[in-house]
Amino acid sequence: MTYPPGAIGPFSGLTTVEVNGRVLRGPDNTYYLGDGSTYTYGVVSGLEDDSTVDPAKTISSASEVQVFVNGVKKDLSTHYTVDVGNQNVEFVTAHVPSTRCDMYLNLG
């Protein structure tokens, strides 16, 4: 495992909350590694084994997506945009190889 749990944020995928005997599901997270040439990453497509995204859900607003690169939160419009129609996150610049890109999705 390249990045053990708890090594790089967001940490929401590591949190379990129980209220009145019910376990609440945390936000959806998906992870990608930069390759130096890819600008666009699918939010619910191309999911890997470590993704917690429910593929049946879709994003309806850019505000539902937060992006972290190597653990540092990135800003919408400055570092990336969200293409709701195609369900993609599009970065302004491609990330160097092995750069970790984490997407935190607050999907209803």
N, C-alpha and C. Protein backbone atom coordinates (compact mmCIF):
# COMPACT_ATOMS: atom_id res chain seq x y z
N MET A 1 0.84 -1.16 0.00
CA MET A 1 0.00 0.00 0.00
C MET A 1 0.89 1.23 0.00
N THR A 2 0.75 2.05 -1.01
CA THR A 2 1.59 3.23 -1.15
C THR A 2 1.31 4.25 -0.06
N TYR A 3 0.04 4.53 0.18
CA TYR A 3 -0.35 5.50 1.21
C TYR A 3 -1.25 4.80 2.22
N PRO A 4 -0.74 4.44 3.40
CA PRO A 4 -1.59 3.76 4.38
C PRO A 4 -2.70 4.68 4.88
N PRO A 5 -3.84 4.14 5.32
CA PRO A 5 -4.93 4.97 5.82
C PRO A 5 -4.43 5.96 6.87
N GLY A 6 -4.87 7.19 6.73
CA GLY A 6 -4.47 8.22 7.69
C GLY A 6 -3.21 8.97 7.31
N ALA A 7 -2.55 8.56 6.21
CA ALA A 7 -1.30 9.21 5.82
C ALA A 7 -1.55 10.53 5.09
N ILE A 8 -2.60 10.59 4.29
CA ILE A 8 -2.90 11.78 3.49
C ILE A 8 -4.40 12.01 3.53
N GLY A 9 -4.81 13.28 3.69
CA GLY A 9 -6.23 13.63 3.71
C GLY A 9 -6.83 13.55 2.33
N PRO A 10 -8.12 13.60 2.19
CA PRO A 10 -9.08 13.81 3.26
C PRO A 10 -9.27 12.56 4.09
N PHE A 11 -9.56 12.74 5.37
CA PHE A 11 -9.68 11.61 6.29
C PHE A 11 -11.12 11.16 6.47
N SER A 12 -12.04 11.75 5.74
CA SER A 12 -13.45 11.43 5.92
C SER A 12 -13.78 9.97 5.66
N GLY A 13 -13.02 9.33 4.79
CA GLY A 13 -13.26 7.91 4.51
C GLY A 13 -12.87 7.02 5.68
N LEU A 14 -12.18 7.58 6.67
CA LEU A 14 -11.75 6.82 7.83
C LEU A 14 -12.66 7.03 9.03
N THR A 15 -13.74 7.78 8.85
CA THR A 15 -14.60 8.16 9.96
C THR A 15 -15.90 7.38 9.92
N THR A 16 -16.30 6.85 11.06
CA THR A 16 -17.58 6.18 11.21
C THR A 16 -18.36 6.92 12.28
N VAL A 17 -19.61 7.24 11.99
CA VAL A 17 -20.46 7.95 12.94
C VAL A 17 -21.70 7.11 13.19
N GLU A 18 -22.04 6.95 14.48
CA GLU A 18 -23.24 6.23 14.85
C GLU A 18 -24.15 7.17 15.62
N VAL A 19 -25.43 7.25 15.20
CA VAL A 19 -26.41 8.09 15.85
C VAL A 19 -27.65 7.25 16.12
N ASN A 20 -28.05 7.19 17.38
CA ASN A 20 -29.25 6.43 17.76
C ASN A 20 -29.22 5.00 17.23
N GLY A 21 -28.05 4.37 17.30
CA GLY A 21 -27.92 2.99 16.87
C GLY A 21 -27.80 2.78 15.37
N ARG A 22 -27.75 3.86 14.60
CA ARG A 22 -27.61 3.76 13.15
C ARG A 22 -26.24 4.26 12.74
N VAL A 23 -25.58 3.50 11.90
CA VAL A 23 -24.28 3.90 11.39
C VAL A 23 -24.51 4.75 10.15
N LEU A 24 -23.98 5.98 10.18
CA LEU A 24 -24.13 6.89 9.05
C LEU A 24 -23.02 6.66 8.05
N ARG A 25 -23.37 6.68 6.79
CA ARG A 25 -22.39 6.49 5.73
C ARG A 25 -21.62 7.79 5.52
N GLY A 26 -20.33 7.67 5.44
CA GLY A 26 -19.48 8.84 5.20
C GLY A 26 -19.55 9.29 3.76
N PRO A 27 -18.87 10.37 3.44
CA PRO A 27 -18.87 10.87 2.06
C PRO A 27 -18.15 9.90 1.13
N ASP A 28 -18.41 10.07 -0.13
CA ASP A 28 -17.76 9.24 -1.14
C ASP A 28 -16.39 9.82 -1.46
N ASN A 29 -15.39 8.95 -1.59
CA ASN A 29 -14.03 9.36 -1.93
C ASN A 29 -13.52 8.50 -3.07
N THR A 30 -12.78 9.11 -3.97
CA THR A 30 -12.10 8.35 -5.00
C THR A 30 -10.70 8.91 -5.17
N TYR A 31 -9.79 8.09 -5.63
CA TYR A 31 -8.37 8.43 -5.66
C TYR A 31 -7.77 8.13 -7.02
N TYR A 32 -6.89 9.01 -7.46
CA TYR A 32 -6.18 8.81 -8.72
C TYR A 32 -4.72 9.19 -8.53
N LEU A 33 -3.87 8.64 -9.37
CA LEU A 33 -2.47 9.06 -9.40
C LEU A 33 -2.22 9.80 -10.71
N GLY A 34 -1.56 10.96 -10.61
CA GLY A 34 -1.23 11.72 -11.80
C GLY A 34 -0.26 10.94 -12.68
N ASP A 35 -0.34 11.20 -13.99
CA ASP A 35 0.56 10.52 -14.92
C ASP A 35 1.33 11.51 -15.79
N GLY A 36 1.16 12.81 -15.52
CA GLY A 36 1.87 13.82 -16.29
C GLY A 36 1.15 14.29 -17.54
N SER A 37 0.07 13.60 -17.94
CA SER A 37 -0.61 14.01 -19.16
C SER A 37 -2.13 14.07 -19.03
N THR A 38 -2.71 13.50 -17.99
CA THR A 38 -4.16 13.47 -17.84
C THR A 38 -4.65 14.72 -17.11
N TYR A 39 -5.62 15.38 -17.70
CA TYR A 39 -6.23 16.56 -17.10
C TYR A 39 -7.61 16.25 -16.54
N THR A 40 -8.27 15.26 -17.09
CA THR A 40 -9.66 14.96 -16.75
C THR A 40 -9.78 13.60 -16.08
N TYR A 41 -10.52 13.58 -14.97
CA TYR A 41 -10.75 12.35 -14.21
C TYR A 41 -12.25 12.19 -13.99
N GLY A 42 -12.74 10.98 -14.20
CA GLY A 42 -14.15 10.69 -13.97
C GLY A 42 -14.48 10.69 -12.50
N VAL A 43 -15.61 11.28 -12.17
CA VAL A 43 -16.04 11.31 -10.78
C VAL A 43 -16.61 9.96 -10.36
N VAL A 44 -17.42 9.35 -11.21
CA VAL A 44 -18.01 8.06 -10.88
C VAL A 44 -17.65 6.98 -11.91
N SER A 45 -16.79 7.31 -12.86
CA SER A 45 -16.35 6.31 -13.84
C SER A 45 -14.88 6.00 -13.63
N GLY A 46 -14.46 4.84 -14.01
CA GLY A 46 -13.05 4.46 -13.87
C GLY A 46 -12.64 4.29 -12.42
N LEU A 47 -13.58 3.89 -11.57
CA LEU A 47 -13.30 3.77 -10.15
C LEU A 47 -12.39 2.58 -9.87
N GLU A 48 -11.48 2.76 -8.95
CA GLU A 48 -10.55 1.71 -8.57
C GLU A 48 -11.03 1.04 -7.28
N ASP A 49 -10.33 0.01 -6.83
CA ASP A 49 -10.73 -0.75 -5.65
C ASP A 49 -10.78 0.08 -4.38
N ASP A 50 -9.96 1.13 -4.27
CA ASP A 50 -9.94 1.92 -3.04
C ASP A 50 -10.99 3.02 -3.01
N SER A 51 -11.80 3.13 -4.06
CA SER A 51 -12.85 4.14 -4.12
C SER A 51 -14.02 3.75 -3.23
N THR A 52 -14.62 4.74 -2.58
CA THR A 52 -15.83 4.50 -1.79
C THR A 52 -17.06 5.10 -2.47
N VAL A 53 -16.92 5.50 -3.73
CA VAL A 53 -18.02 6.13 -4.46
C VAL A 53 -19.05 5.09 -4.87
N ASP A 54 -20.31 5.41 -4.61
CA ASP A 54 -21.42 4.59 -5.09
C ASP A 54 -21.63 4.95 -6.56
N PRO A 55 -21.35 4.04 -7.49
CA PRO A 55 -21.44 4.37 -8.92
C PRO A 55 -22.86 4.72 -9.39
N ALA A 56 -23.86 4.46 -8.56
CA ALA A 56 -25.23 4.80 -8.93
C ALA A 56 -25.53 6.27 -8.71
N LYS A 57 -24.66 6.98 -7.98
CA LYS A 57 -24.88 8.39 -7.69
C LYS A 57 -24.23 9.27 -8.76
N THR A 58 -24.74 10.48 -8.89
CA THR A 58 -24.15 11.45 -9.81
C THR A 58 -24.03 12.80 -9.12
N ILE A 59 -23.11 13.62 -9.61
CA ILE A 59 -22.99 14.97 -9.08
C ILE A 59 -23.96 15.87 -9.83
N SER A 60 -24.57 16.80 -9.12
CA SER A 60 -25.49 17.74 -9.75
C SER A 60 -25.01 19.18 -9.63
N SER A 61 -23.92 19.38 -8.87
CA SER A 61 -23.38 20.71 -8.67
C SER A 61 -21.89 20.62 -8.38
N ALA A 62 -21.14 21.59 -8.87
CA ALA A 62 -19.69 21.62 -8.62
C ALA A 62 -19.37 21.71 -7.13
N SER A 63 -20.28 22.28 -6.35
CA SER A 63 -20.04 22.43 -4.92
C SER A 63 -20.05 21.09 -4.18
N GLU A 64 -20.49 20.02 -4.82
CA GLU A 64 -20.49 18.70 -4.21
C GLU A 64 -19.12 18.02 -4.24
N VAL A 65 -18.15 18.65 -4.90
CA VAL A 65 -16.83 18.05 -5.09
C VAL A 65 -15.76 18.90 -4.42
N GLN A 66 -14.91 18.25 -3.64
CA GLN A 66 -13.70 18.88 -3.10
C GLN A 66 -12.53 18.04 -3.57
N VAL A 67 -11.43 18.71 -3.92
CA VAL A 67 -10.27 18.01 -4.46
C VAL A 67 -9.04 18.32 -3.61
N PHE A 68 -8.28 17.27 -3.34
CA PHE A 68 -7.01 17.38 -2.62
C PHE A 68 -5.92 16.79 -3.51
N VAL A 69 -4.78 17.45 -3.61
CA VAL A 69 -3.64 16.93 -4.35
C VAL A 69 -2.49 16.81 -3.38
N ASN A 70 -2.00 15.58 -3.20
CA ASN A 70 -0.98 15.29 -2.19
C ASN A 70 -1.36 15.85 -0.83
N GLY A 71 -2.65 15.73 -0.49
CA GLY A 71 -3.14 16.14 0.82
C GLY A 71 -3.46 17.61 0.96
N VAL A 72 -3.26 18.41 -0.09
CA VAL A 72 -3.53 19.85 -0.03
C VAL A 72 -4.82 20.15 -0.80
N LYS A 73 -5.76 20.82 -0.10
CA LYS A 73 -7.04 21.15 -0.73
C LYS A 73 -6.83 22.15 -1.88
N LYS A 74 -7.47 21.86 -3.00
CA LYS A 74 -7.38 22.72 -4.18
C LYS A 74 -8.67 23.52 -4.32
N ASP A 75 -8.59 24.65 -5.02
CA ASP A 75 -9.72 25.56 -5.17
C ASP A 75 -10.44 25.35 -6.50
N LEU A 76 -11.77 25.27 -6.40
CA LEU A 76 -12.60 25.20 -7.58
C LEU A 76 -12.38 26.45 -8.43
N SER A 77 -12.32 26.31 -9.71
CA SER A 77 -12.09 27.36 -10.71
C SER A 77 -10.62 27.76 -10.83
N THR A 78 -9.87 27.76 -9.72
CA THR A 78 -8.45 28.10 -9.78
C THR A 78 -7.63 26.90 -10.22
N HIS A 79 -7.86 25.74 -9.59
CA HIS A 79 -7.07 24.54 -9.87
C HIS A 79 -7.83 23.49 -10.69
N TYR A 80 -9.15 23.53 -10.61
CA TYR A 80 -9.96 22.52 -11.32
C TYR A 80 -11.35 23.07 -11.57
N THR A 81 -12.04 22.45 -12.51
CA THR A 81 -13.46 22.72 -12.75
C THR A 81 -14.19 21.39 -12.71
N VAL A 82 -15.50 21.48 -12.58
CA VAL A 82 -16.33 20.28 -12.55
C VAL A 82 -17.28 20.33 -13.75
N ASP A 83 -17.23 19.30 -14.56
CA ASP A 83 -18.12 19.16 -15.71
C ASP A 83 -19.27 18.25 -15.26
N VAL A 84 -20.36 18.87 -14.81
CA VAL A 84 -21.49 18.10 -14.28
C VAL A 84 -22.10 17.22 -15.36
N GLY A 85 -22.19 17.72 -16.58
CA GLY A 85 -22.79 16.96 -17.67
C GLY A 85 -22.07 15.65 -17.96
N ASN A 86 -20.74 15.69 -17.92
CA ASN A 86 -19.95 14.48 -18.20
C ASN A 86 -19.44 13.80 -16.94
N GLN A 87 -19.78 14.36 -15.75
CA GLN A 87 -19.38 13.78 -14.48
C GLN A 87 -17.86 13.66 -14.36
N ASN A 88 -17.15 14.75 -14.70
CA ASN A 88 -15.69 14.78 -14.67
C ASN A 88 -15.17 15.94 -13.85
N VAL A 89 -13.96 15.77 -13.32
CA VAL A 89 -13.19 16.86 -12.75
C VAL A 89 -12.07 17.13 -13.74
N GLU A 90 -11.94 18.40 -14.14
CA GLU A 90 -10.93 18.78 -15.13
C GLU A 90 -9.92 19.72 -14.45
N PHE A 91 -8.67 19.30 -14.40
CA PHE A 91 -7.62 20.11 -13.79
C PHE A 91 -7.07 21.12 -14.78
N VAL A 92 -6.62 22.25 -14.27
CA VAL A 92 -6.02 23.30 -15.09
C VAL A 92 -4.70 22.80 -15.68
N THR A 93 -3.93 22.07 -14.88
CA THR A 93 -2.67 21.49 -15.35
C THR A 93 -2.65 20.00 -15.00
N ALA A 94 -1.97 19.23 -15.83
CA ALA A 94 -1.81 17.81 -15.53
C ALA A 94 -0.85 17.66 -14.35
N HIS A 95 -1.07 16.63 -13.55
CA HIS A 95 -0.22 16.39 -12.40
C HIS A 95 0.96 15.48 -12.76
N VAL A 96 2.09 15.77 -12.17
CA VAL A 96 3.28 14.97 -12.44
C VAL A 96 3.02 13.52 -12.05
N PRO A 97 3.74 12.59 -12.66
CA PRO A 97 3.53 11.18 -12.33
C PRO A 97 3.63 10.92 -10.83
N SER A 98 2.74 10.07 -10.34
CA SER A 98 2.64 9.63 -8.95
C SER A 98 2.08 10.68 -8.00
N THR A 99 1.60 11.82 -8.52
CA THR A 99 0.93 12.80 -7.67
C THR A 99 -0.43 12.22 -7.31
N ARG A 100 -0.74 12.21 -6.02
CA ARG A 100 -2.00 11.64 -5.55
C ARG A 100 -3.11 12.68 -5.63
N CYS A 101 -4.20 12.35 -6.32
CA CYS A 101 -5.36 13.22 -6.46
C CYS A 101 -6.54 12.54 -5.76
N ASP A 102 -7.08 13.19 -4.74
CA ASP A 102 -8.21 12.64 -3.99
C ASP A 102 -9.43 13.50 -4.23
N MET A 103 -10.57 12.86 -4.48
CA MET A 103 -11.81 13.59 -4.66
C MET A 103 -12.78 13.19 -3.55
N TYR A 104 -13.27 14.19 -2.87
CA TYR A 104 -14.25 14.02 -1.80
C TYR A 104 -15.58 14.46 -2.37
N LEU A 105 -16.54 13.57 -2.38
CA LEU A 105 -17.83 13.85 -3.01
C LEU A 105 -18.93 13.84 -1.97
N ASN A 106 -19.64 14.93 -1.86
CA ASN A 106 -20.75 15.01 -0.93
C ASN A 106 -22.03 14.81 -1.72
N LEU A 107 -22.32 13.55 -2.02
CA LEU A 107 -23.47 13.21 -2.86
C LEU A 107 -24.63 12.74 -1.98
N GLY A 108 -25.82 13.21 -2.32
CA GLY A 108 -27.01 12.87 -1.53
C GLY A 108 -27.49 11.48 -1.75
